[in-house]
Amino acid sequence: MASPCRSAWEGLPPEIYEQVLAYMDDDMLLTLSKVNRLFNYTVLNTFLDAMTLDEVLDELKFSNIPPRCMSRTNVVEALRLSLRVQRLEHIHFRLSASSPLNELQSMKLLIDRLPTLNTLELELRGAASDNRELGFSLARAAADACDSAVAKGCETLKLERLLSFGPPGREPYSASLNHTPRPYSQTIKRLGYVHLCGAFLLSPLLTYTPTLLQSCSQTIHTLCFDVSTIIVPRLNWDEFLSSLYLPNLQTFLFDNVVHTRLAPACISKFLKRHPGITTLRLYYGLLRSHDLALQTTQPPALPNLVKLEASRGILTWLFQDPSSCLNVNEVTIPHVDDPIEVLYPIVGPSRAFQSNQLKIVIKLNPLLRLWLDWMGKLIESEGSGEKNSRLKELRVVRLAFRFDAAISSLDEKAVLCLARFVALIPGLRHLEMIRDSSESEEAEEEVTAERVMYNTVFEACPNLASFTFVSSD
């Protein structure tokens, strides 16, 4: 029986393909990819390097495209046309500054081709535009991509690092975008983790974002806002958070270390509507006026709160009522001049809970030596025998220090100061050093530094029951 007719191309060596394809531009290659499976795979291989292609085909994810591939503006379109992306489940895409609109539109079409999608993470910095019309088109394309992802059962949606699609600070767009459910949308929504940048809280998306979240309100368990929300006006925050209710919200992360226009009363009302929160990270800017306004607001009751990290003013506010946050078992304190004023309402004598279940985590940056000053002052005041020492009244049984840089950057004086400070806490039994996750725990200098710290601390604090080193999450 005669064999089926085959294309003459299928018998050519790969080197011949490379020579022929070298004469074609990107548009010609994309057209060629539609001819048959052979050309489809060959074209995809020219747009993406072998490592990225293996990741797409083997690990079911499309992420972190190398810059040499991103220089080709049609890389997303090539992936969309590929016959091998039907099993793709995770997309992490960094928009280029050269053609963000085309990439977002192709991304939407790519998502539409997939049977399901678990993760969509878009780094949107390249989508910023000084042109209002283009900014509106970019916002609409980003919203369309998100709608398609949610319709495909997306569980994690991360929209990161963009202040605004159009020129910031201008008049709002006359038209607003709204969330539009897709006709092929799954009956059961699965969206659980949502990370938002500032652009999704500004016009023309100010109406779109809350309607999107409300459509998935029963499944969302984590809500995050990154530092790009710094320019979001107060009225936008009021409109967004006042209309939002997520009954199963467990984790709320708000990272604005420097500044925010979010009103204290607004964040207080939002937290009161979500008593089921178990993990809270709330950095609320450096303005003293924010802290003063919070102190006049009744703190919310968060009976399920287990893990808390917040700025100094937020911590003081949440714990001003001794009956609040009764079940919290871990509190992280940022870099402050003196943590005693913050620690006193948390683990002071007025607290009603069993403090031996609570771990206090103090963040330290070995490269910024301000913490040496306040530790030194406390050690000096204790050594002089001053009365009414508030440090000795603290009921701290579990203490940890979280380092933002390598422990090996600490010199002998810093290690000794740390050990002497730990020795001043009378009830301390468990000590933990949390190393920066970017530092290798097996590096020789880190191993040596940890051994020196271990010996120095135990020499100053022989009554410790445990002293461990762990890596941050």
Protein backbone atom coordinates (compact mmCIF):
# COMPACT_ATOMS: atom_id res chain seq x y z
CA MET A 1 0.00 0.00 0.00
CA ALA A 2 1.41 3.39 -0.96
CA SER A 3 2.32 5.75 1.88
CA PRO A 4 0.29 8.96 2.23
CA CYS A 5 1.56 11.97 0.34
CA ARG A 6 3.96 14.00 2.46
CA SER A 7 5.22 17.54 2.09
CA ALA A 8 8.74 17.84 0.75
CA TRP A 9 9.46 20.14 3.70
CA GLU A 10 9.17 17.30 6.20
CA GLY A 11 12.24 15.56 4.84
CA LEU A 12 14.55 18.59 5.02
CA PRO A 13 17.24 18.92 7.70
CA PRO A 14 16.59 21.53 10.47
CA GLU A 15 19.47 23.65 9.16
CA ILE A 16 17.61 24.23 5.91
CA TYR A 17 14.57 25.43 7.83
CA GLU A 18 16.68 27.93 9.72
CA GLN A 19 18.16 29.28 6.48
CA VAL A 20 14.74 29.72 4.86
CA LEU A 21 13.06 31.24 7.89
CA ALA A 22 15.90 33.72 8.34
CA TYR A 23 14.64 35.59 5.26
CA MET A 24 11.12 36.06 6.70
CA ASP A 25 9.94 38.88 8.93
CA ASP A 26 7.65 38.31 11.92
CA ASP A 27 4.40 38.86 10.00
CA MET A 28 5.40 36.30 7.37
CA LEU A 29 6.35 33.82 10.06
CA LEU A 30 2.99 34.19 11.80
CA THR A 31 1.20 33.59 8.53
CA LEU A 32 3.36 30.54 7.88
CA SER A 33 2.46 29.13 11.31
CA LYS A 34 -1.15 28.71 10.18
CA VAL A 35 -0.25 26.33 7.33
CA ASN A 36 0.22 23.07 9.23
CA ARG A 37 1.48 21.56 12.48
CA LEU A 38 5.08 21.36 11.29
CA PHE A 39 5.31 25.06 10.51
CA ASN A 40 3.32 25.93 13.61
CA TYR A 41 5.88 24.31 15.89
CA THR A 42 8.83 25.63 13.87
CA VAL A 43 7.62 29.23 14.03
CA LEU A 44 7.00 29.06 17.79
CA ASN A 45 10.53 27.78 18.21
CA THR A 46 11.89 30.86 16.42
CA PHE A 47 10.01 33.28 18.67
CA LEU A 48 10.84 31.61 22.00
CA ASP A 49 14.13 30.14 23.12
CA ALA A 50 14.37 26.46 24.04
CA MET A 51 14.12 27.06 27.81
CA THR A 52 10.95 29.13 27.52
CA LEU A 53 9.44 26.66 25.07
CA ASP A 54 10.14 23.74 27.39
CA GLU A 55 8.51 25.66 30.25
CA VAL A 56 5.40 26.25 28.17
CA LEU A 57 5.09 22.67 26.97
CA ASP A 58 6.31 20.74 30.01
CA GLU A 59 5.50 22.87 33.08
CA LEU A 60 2.23 24.26 31.72
CA LYS A 61 3.25 27.87 32.40
CA PHE A 62 4.30 30.86 30.38
CA SER A 63 6.44 33.22 32.44
CA ASN A 64 9.34 35.63 32.58
CA ILE A 65 10.04 35.85 28.87
CA PRO A 66 13.73 36.63 28.30
CA PRO A 67 14.42 40.16 27.00
CA ARG A 68 15.85 38.78 23.76
CA CYS A 69 12.46 37.20 23.08
CA MET A 70 10.46 40.21 24.26
CA SER A 71 12.23 42.39 21.69
CA ARG A 72 9.97 40.67 19.13
CA THR A 73 6.65 42.44 19.53
CA ASN A 74 4.60 39.50 18.22
CA VAL A 75 5.79 36.91 20.73
CA VAL A 76 2.35 36.70 22.42
CA GLU A 77 0.65 36.39 19.05
CA ALA A 78 3.01 33.54 18.16
CA LEU A 79 2.13 31.76 21.37
CA ARG A 80 -1.58 32.31 20.74
CA LEU A 81 -1.34 30.69 17.31
CA SER A 82 0.57 27.73 18.65
CA LEU A 83 -1.30 24.43 18.63
CA ARG A 84 0.56 23.30 21.74
CA VAL A 85 -0.80 25.72 24.35
CA GLN A 86 -4.07 23.94 25.04
CA ARG A 87 -2.69 22.62 28.33
CA LEU A 88 -1.28 25.98 29.48
CA GLU A 89 -2.41 26.77 33.04
CA HIS A 90 -0.22 29.63 34.33
CA ILE A 91 0.62 32.93 32.64
CA HIS A 92 3.11 35.45 34.06
CA PHE A 93 3.70 38.17 31.51
CA ARG A 94 5.77 41.34 31.66
CA LEU A 95 4.47 43.90 29.18
CA SER A 96 7.02 45.64 26.97
CA ALA A 97 7.01 49.41 26.51
CA SER A 98 7.12 49.08 22.72
CA SER A 99 3.73 47.46 22.01
CA PRO A 100 1.73 46.91 25.23
CA LEU A 101 -1.67 47.27 23.55
CA ASN A 102 -0.97 44.57 20.96
CA GLU A 103 0.38 42.29 23.68
CA LEU A 104 -2.68 42.72 25.89
CA GLN A 105 -5.04 42.09 22.98
CA SER A 106 -3.12 38.97 21.96
CA MET A 107 -3.05 37.85 25.59
CA LYS A 108 -6.83 38.03 25.73
CA LEU A 109 -7.14 35.95 22.55
CA LEU A 110 -4.62 33.45 23.95
CA ILE A 111 -6.66 33.08 27.15
CA ASP A 112 -9.83 32.60 25.10
CA ARG A 113 -8.22 29.59 23.40
CA LEU A 114 -7.43 27.83 26.67
CA PRO A 115 -9.88 25.38 28.23
CA THR A 116 -8.96 26.55 31.75
CA LEU A 117 -6.49 28.95 33.40
CA ASN A 118 -5.26 28.86 37.00
CA THR A 119 -3.00 31.93 37.23
CA LEU A 120 -2.77 35.26 35.40
CA GLU A 121 0.00 37.58 36.55
CA LEU A 122 0.60 40.76 34.55
CA GLU A 123 3.48 43.14 35.26
CA LEU A 124 2.00 46.30 33.78
CA ARG A 125 4.74 48.92 34.10
CA GLY A 126 5.24 48.92 30.35
CA ALA A 127 1.58 49.89 29.84
CA ALA A 128 1.93 53.45 31.13
CA SER A 129 1.11 56.06 28.49
CA ASP A 130 1.09 59.87 28.25
CA ASN A 131 -1.69 59.66 25.67
CA ARG A 132 -5.22 59.63 27.13
CA GLU A 133 -6.78 57.78 24.21
CA LEU A 134 -4.12 55.10 24.26
CA GLY A 135 -4.41 54.88 28.05
CA PHE A 136 -8.13 54.17 27.74
CA SER A 137 -7.50 51.48 25.13
CA LEU A 138 -4.84 49.88 27.35
CA ALA A 139 -7.22 49.87 30.33
CA ARG A 140 -9.96 48.26 28.23
CA ALA A 141 -7.56 45.62 26.88
CA ALA A 142 -6.34 44.79 30.40
CA ALA A 143 -9.95 44.51 31.63
CA ASP A 144 -10.84 42.23 28.71
CA ALA A 145 -7.89 39.95 29.54
CA CYS A 146 -8.98 39.79 33.19
CA ASP A 147 -12.58 39.03 32.26
CA SER A 148 -11.44 36.19 30.02
CA ALA A 149 -9.19 34.81 32.77
CA VAL A 150 -11.97 34.84 35.36
CA ALA A 151 -14.30 33.17 32.88
CA LYS A 152 -11.74 30.38 32.43
CA GLY A 153 -11.73 29.66 36.17
CA CYS A 154 -8.67 31.71 37.13
CA GLU A 155 -7.80 31.25 40.82
CA THR A 156 -4.97 33.82 41.11
CA LEU A 157 -5.10 37.26 39.49
CA LYS A 158 -2.09 39.55 39.96
CA LEU A 159 -2.06 43.00 38.34
CA GLU A 160 1.16 44.67 39.39
CA ARG A 161 3.33 47.80 39.31
CA LEU A 162 1.36 50.42 37.41
CA LEU A 163 0.29 53.79 38.77
CA SER A 164 -2.03 54.68 35.90
CA PHE A 165 -2.72 53.62 32.31
CA GLY A 166 -3.11 57.23 31.16
CA PRO A 167 -1.45 60.48 32.32
CA PRO A 168 -1.78 60.57 36.15
CA GLY A 169 -3.45 63.51 37.81
CA ARG A 170 -5.69 64.41 34.84
CA GLU A 171 -9.48 64.66 34.76
CA PRO A 172 -11.29 61.29 34.92
CA TYR A 173 -12.39 59.70 31.68
CA SER A 174 -15.96 60.50 30.66
CA ALA A 175 -16.62 56.82 29.98
CA SER A 176 -16.23 54.03 32.52
CA LEU A 177 -15.45 50.38 31.94
CA ASN A 178 -17.50 47.63 33.56
CA HIS A 179 -16.92 43.97 34.26
CA THR A 180 -18.53 41.89 31.52
CA PRO A 181 -19.05 38.17 32.22
CA ARG A 182 -18.11 36.04 29.25
CA PRO A 183 -20.78 33.80 27.65
CA TYR A 184 -18.52 30.79 28.20
CA SER A 185 -17.97 31.68 31.85
CA GLN A 186 -17.85 28.73 34.22
CA THR A 187 -20.88 28.29 36.46
CA ILE A 188 -18.71 28.18 39.59
CA LYS A 189 -16.26 31.07 40.05
CA ARG A 190 -12.83 30.11 41.42
CA LEU A 191 -11.07 33.45 41.85
CA GLY A 192 -9.43 33.41 45.29
CA TYR A 193 -6.25 35.54 45.26
CA VAL A 194 -6.40 39.12 43.93
CA HIS A 195 -3.45 41.55 43.76
CA LEU A 196 -4.24 45.08 42.52
CA CYS A 197 -2.09 48.01 41.41
CA GLY A 198 -3.07 51.67 41.45
CA ALA A 199 -4.24 51.77 37.82
CA PHE A 200 -7.22 49.51 38.66
CA LEU A 201 -8.49 51.99 41.25
CA LEU A 202 -8.47 54.96 38.88
CA SER A 203 -10.70 56.04 35.99
CA PRO A 204 -11.75 54.38 33.71
CA LEU A 205 -11.51 51.20 35.84
CA LEU A 206 -12.89 52.54 39.13
CA THR A 207 -16.28 50.96 38.41
CA TYR A 208 -14.87 47.87 36.74
CA THR A 209 -12.72 46.63 39.62
CA PRO A 210 -15.35 46.48 42.40
CA THR A 211 -17.89 44.87 40.07
CA LEU A 212 -15.32 42.24 39.12
CA LEU A 213 -14.56 41.50 42.77
CA GLN A 214 -18.21 41.45 43.78
CA SER A 215 -18.96 38.92 41.03
CA CYS A 216 -16.47 36.59 42.76
CA SER A 217 -17.13 37.75 46.33
CA GLN A 218 -17.93 34.26 47.64
CA THR A 219 -14.57 32.79 46.59
CA ILE A 220 -12.04 35.61 47.18
CA HIS A 221 -9.94 34.84 50.26
CA THR A 222 -6.92 37.12 49.69
CA LEU A 223 -6.86 40.80 48.67
CA CYS A 224 -3.59 42.71 48.16
CA PHE A 225 -2.75 46.31 47.22
CA ASP A 226 0.82 47.18 46.20
CA VAL A 227 2.77 50.44 46.55
CA SER A 228 1.56 51.75 43.18
CA THR A 229 -1.75 52.67 44.90
CA ILE A 230 0.08 55.65 46.43
CA ILE A 231 -1.61 58.13 44.04
CA VAL A 232 -5.16 56.79 44.42
CA PRO A 233 -7.34 59.70 45.68
CA ARG A 234 -9.24 59.52 48.92
CA LEU A 235 -12.63 59.62 47.19
CA ASN A 236 -11.67 56.62 45.06
CA TRP A 237 -10.71 54.64 48.16
CA ASP A 238 -13.99 55.59 49.84
CA GLU A 239 -16.03 54.54 46.82
CA PHE A 240 -14.12 51.29 46.31
CA LEU A 241 -13.83 49.95 49.87
CA SER A 242 -17.27 51.13 51.03
CA SER A 243 -18.95 49.08 48.28
CA LEU A 244 -16.84 45.97 48.79
CA TYR A 245 -17.87 43.02 50.94
CA LEU A 246 -16.02 39.71 50.71
CA PRO A 247 -17.59 37.31 53.22
CA ASN A 248 -14.77 34.76 53.03
CA LEU A 249 -11.84 37.19 53.08
CA GLN A 250 -9.00 35.74 55.18
CA THR A 251 -5.91 37.73 54.12
CA PHE A 252 -5.71 41.50 53.60
CA LEU A 253 -2.37 43.02 52.55
CA PHE A 254 -1.94 46.78 52.13
CA ASP A 255 1.63 47.92 51.44
CA ASN A 256 2.00 51.70 51.41
CA VAL A 257 5.02 52.27 53.61
CA VAL A 258 5.61 55.90 52.56
CA HIS A 259 2.20 57.47 51.91
CA THR A 260 -1.48 56.75 51.26
CA ARG A 261 -4.60 58.86 50.81
CA LEU A 262 -6.82 56.19 52.29
CA ALA A 263 -8.82 57.75 55.14
CA PRO A 264 -8.49 56.12 58.61
CA ALA A 265 -12.27 55.89 58.97
CA CYS A 266 -12.53 54.04 55.64
CA ILE A 267 -9.99 51.36 56.53
CA SER A 268 -11.58 50.98 59.97
CA LYS A 269 -15.04 50.36 58.45
CA PHE A 270 -13.61 47.89 55.94
CA LEU A 271 -11.92 45.84 58.68
CA LYS A 272 -15.07 45.88 60.81
CA ARG A 273 -17.05 44.40 57.90
CA HIS A 274 -14.52 41.57 57.60
CA PRO A 275 -14.06 40.07 61.09
CA GLY A 276 -13.00 36.75 59.54
CA ILE A 277 -9.56 38.08 58.52
CA THR A 278 -6.81 35.78 59.80
CA THR A 279 -3.75 37.46 58.23
CA LEU A 280 -3.32 41.23 58.10
CA ARG A 281 -0.41 43.29 56.76
CA LEU A 282 -1.17 46.99 56.90
CA TYR A 283 1.42 49.68 56.20
CA TYR A 284 -0.32 53.02 56.27
CA GLY A 285 2.29 55.64 55.37
CA LEU A 286 4.52 57.88 57.44
CA LEU A 287 2.16 60.80 58.06
CA ARG A 288 1.70 61.44 61.78
CA SER A 289 -1.77 62.84 61.08
CA HIS A 290 -2.92 59.38 59.97
CA ASP A 291 -1.82 57.86 63.27
CA LEU A 292 -3.54 60.60 65.28
CA ALA A 293 -6.76 60.14 63.31
CA LEU A 294 -6.68 56.39 63.92
CA GLN A 295 -6.37 56.79 67.67
CA THR A 296 -9.74 58.57 67.73
CA THR A 297 -11.39 55.71 65.82
CA GLN A 298 -12.70 52.62 67.54
CA PRO A 299 -10.52 49.64 66.50
CA PRO A 300 -12.29 46.71 64.85
CA ALA A 301 -12.86 43.41 66.59
CA LEU A 302 -10.84 40.76 64.75
CA PRO A 303 -11.41 37.57 66.73
CA ASN A 304 -9.95 35.31 64.02
CA LEU A 305 -6.77 37.33 63.45
CA VAL A 306 -3.73 35.08 63.82
CA LYS A 307 -0.89 36.85 61.98
CA LEU A 308 -0.37 40.61 62.01
CA GLU A 309 2.25 42.90 60.46
CA ALA A 310 1.67 46.64 60.50
CA SER A 311 3.17 50.08 60.91
CA ARG A 312 3.67 51.52 64.36
CA GLY A 313 0.48 53.60 64.38
CA ILE A 314 -1.69 50.70 63.21
CA LEU A 315 -0.34 48.37 65.91
CA THR A 316 -0.91 50.92 68.65
CA TRP A 317 -4.44 51.51 67.36
CA LEU A 318 -5.44 47.83 67.07
CA PHE A 319 -4.20 46.98 70.57
CA GLN A 320 -5.50 50.05 72.41
CA ASP A 321 -8.45 47.88 73.43
CA PRO A 322 -7.15 45.00 75.60
CA SER A 323 -9.95 42.73 74.37
CA SER A 324 -9.11 43.14 70.66
CA CYS A 325 -7.12 40.63 68.61
CA LEU A 326 -7.27 38.06 71.38
CA ASN A 327 -6.22 35.11 69.23
CA VAL A 328 -3.27 36.64 67.42
CA ASN A 329 -0.15 34.46 67.72
CA GLU A 330 2.37 36.41 65.63
CA VAL A 331 2.97 40.17 65.46
CA THR A 332 5.63 41.68 63.20
CA ILE A 333 6.98 45.12 64.07
CA PRO A 334 8.77 47.21 61.40
CA HIS A 335 11.98 49.19 61.80
CA VAL A 336 11.21 51.68 64.58
CA ASP A 337 13.29 53.90 66.85
CA ASP A 338 12.23 52.07 69.99
CA PRO A 339 9.83 49.11 69.89
CA ILE A 340 9.00 49.21 73.59
CA GLU A 341 6.22 51.77 73.14
CA VAL A 342 4.70 49.50 70.48
CA LEU A 343 5.26 46.28 72.42
CA TYR A 344 3.78 47.52 75.70
CA PRO A 345 0.10 47.40 74.62
CA ILE A 346 0.71 44.06 72.87
CA VAL A 347 2.58 42.08 75.54
CA GLY A 348 2.35 44.41 78.52
CA PRO A 349 0.62 43.62 81.82
CA SER A 350 -2.78 44.86 80.54
CA ARG A 351 -3.13 42.09 77.95
CA ALA A 352 -5.47 39.26 78.91
CA PHE A 353 -4.30 36.44 76.64
CA GLN A 354 -1.65 33.83 77.37
CA SER A 355 1.44 35.56 76.04
CA ASN A 356 3.51 32.37 75.77
CA GLN A 357 1.51 31.55 72.62
CA LEU A 358 2.48 34.86 70.95
CA LYS A 359 5.60 35.35 68.85
CA ILE A 360 6.96 38.87 68.44
CA VAL A 361 8.92 39.46 65.22
CA ILE A 362 11.09 42.58 64.97
CA LYS A 363 12.32 43.54 61.49
CA LEU A 364 15.95 44.64 61.34
CA ASN A 365 18.14 45.78 58.47
CA PRO A 366 21.80 45.01 59.30
CA LEU A 367 22.89 47.74 56.88
CA LEU A 368 20.88 50.46 58.69
CA ARG A 369 22.32 50.79 62.18
CA LEU A 370 19.52 52.85 63.78
CA TRP A 371 18.43 49.76 65.68
CA LEU A 372 21.83 49.67 67.38
CA ASP A 373 21.10 53.10 68.86
CA TRP A 374 17.84 52.19 70.54
CA MET A 375 19.16 48.81 71.68
CA GLY A 376 22.24 50.53 73.12
CA LYS A 377 20.12 53.07 74.99
CA LEU A 378 17.94 50.34 76.50
CA ILE A 379 20.98 48.35 77.57
CA GLU A 380 22.54 51.45 79.11
CA SER A 381 19.37 52.44 80.98
CA GLU A 382 18.94 48.90 82.35
CA GLY A 383 22.58 48.78 83.39
CA SER A 384 22.24 52.04 85.32
CA GLY A 385 19.50 50.52 87.45
CA GLU A 386 16.72 52.90 86.43
CA LYS A 387 13.42 52.21 88.17
CA ASN A 388 10.09 51.62 86.47
CA SER A 389 11.64 49.75 83.55
CA ARG A 390 8.88 48.95 81.06
CA LEU A 391 11.10 46.38 79.31
CA LYS A 392 10.99 44.06 82.33
CA GLU A 393 7.20 44.22 82.35
CA LEU A 394 6.94 42.77 78.85
CA ARG A 395 5.70 39.16 78.78
CA VAL A 396 7.65 37.99 75.74
CA VAL A 397 8.23 34.25 75.62
CA ARG A 398 8.83 33.89 71.87
CA LEU A 399 10.92 36.48 70.01
CA ALA A 400 12.24 36.58 66.46
CA PHE A 401 14.35 39.00 64.44
CA ARG A 402 13.73 39.17 60.70
CA PHE A 403 16.71 40.43 58.73
CA ASP A 404 16.38 42.25 55.42
CA ALA A 405 20.00 41.54 54.50
CA ALA A 406 22.64 38.90 55.13
CA ILE A 407 23.33 38.06 58.78
CA SER A 408 27.02 37.96 57.85
CA SER A 409 26.90 41.76 57.41
CA LEU A 410 26.62 42.14 61.20
CA ASP A 411 29.93 42.94 62.87
CA GLU A 412 31.03 41.72 66.30
CA LYS A 413 29.71 44.83 68.05
CA ALA A 414 26.25 44.44 66.52
CA VAL A 415 26.02 40.74 67.45
CA LEU A 416 27.04 41.48 71.03
CA CYS A 417 24.51 44.33 71.29
CA LEU A 418 21.77 42.02 70.01
CA ALA A 419 22.69 39.33 72.54
CA ARG A 420 22.74 41.80 75.45
CA PHE A 421 19.32 43.16 74.45
CA VAL A 422 17.83 39.67 74.33
CA ALA A 423 19.24 38.99 77.81
CA LEU A 424 17.22 41.92 79.22
CA ILE A 425 13.88 40.20 78.52
CA PRO A 426 13.29 38.12 81.66
CA GLY A 427 10.65 35.67 80.43
CA LEU A 428 12.15 34.95 77.00
CA ARG A 429 12.53 31.22 76.29
CA HIS A 430 12.45 30.85 72.50
CA LEU A 431 14.52 32.92 70.07
CA GLU A 432 14.48 32.77 66.29
CA MET A 433 16.57 34.48 63.60
CA ILE A 434 14.79 34.75 60.25
CA ARG A 435 17.33 35.11 57.48
CA ASP A 436 16.61 36.86 54.18
CA SER A 437 15.26 34.32 51.68
CA SER A 438 17.61 35.65 48.97
CA GLU A 439 20.64 34.64 51.02
CA SER A 440 21.90 31.08 50.79
CA GLU A 441 21.86 29.33 54.15
CA GLU A 442 24.69 27.11 52.94
CA ALA A 443 27.10 29.94 52.06
CA GLU A 444 30.26 29.60 54.13
CA GLU A 445 30.21 33.16 55.44
CA GLU A 446 26.56 32.82 56.48
CA VAL A 447 27.23 29.54 58.29
CA THR A 448 30.15 31.14 60.13
CA ALA A 449 28.15 34.25 61.06
CA GLU A 450 25.26 32.17 62.40
CA ARG A 451 27.63 30.03 64.47
CA VAL A 452 29.21 33.13 66.02
CA MET A 453 25.79 34.62 66.79
CA TYR A 454 24.59 31.31 68.27
CA ASN A 455 27.53 31.12 70.68
CA THR A 456 27.34 34.81 71.63
CA VAL A 457 23.62 34.76 72.36
CA PHE A 458 23.73 31.57 74.42
CA GLU A 459 26.63 32.97 76.43
CA ALA A 460 24.50 36.02 77.30
CA CYS A 461 21.22 34.08 77.65
CA PRO A 462 21.93 30.60 79.06
CA ASN A 463 18.26 30.09 80.03
CA LEU A 464 16.97 30.00 76.46
CA ALA A 465 15.08 26.80 75.71
CA SER A 466 15.60 27.11 71.94
CA PHE A 467 17.48 29.25 69.44
CA THR A 468 16.97 28.57 65.74
CA PHE A 469 17.73 30.04 62.31
CA VAL A 470 15.09 29.82 59.59
CA SER A 471 14.57 31.30 56.13
CA SER A 472 11.76 33.73 55.41
CA ASP A 473 8.81 32.63 53.30
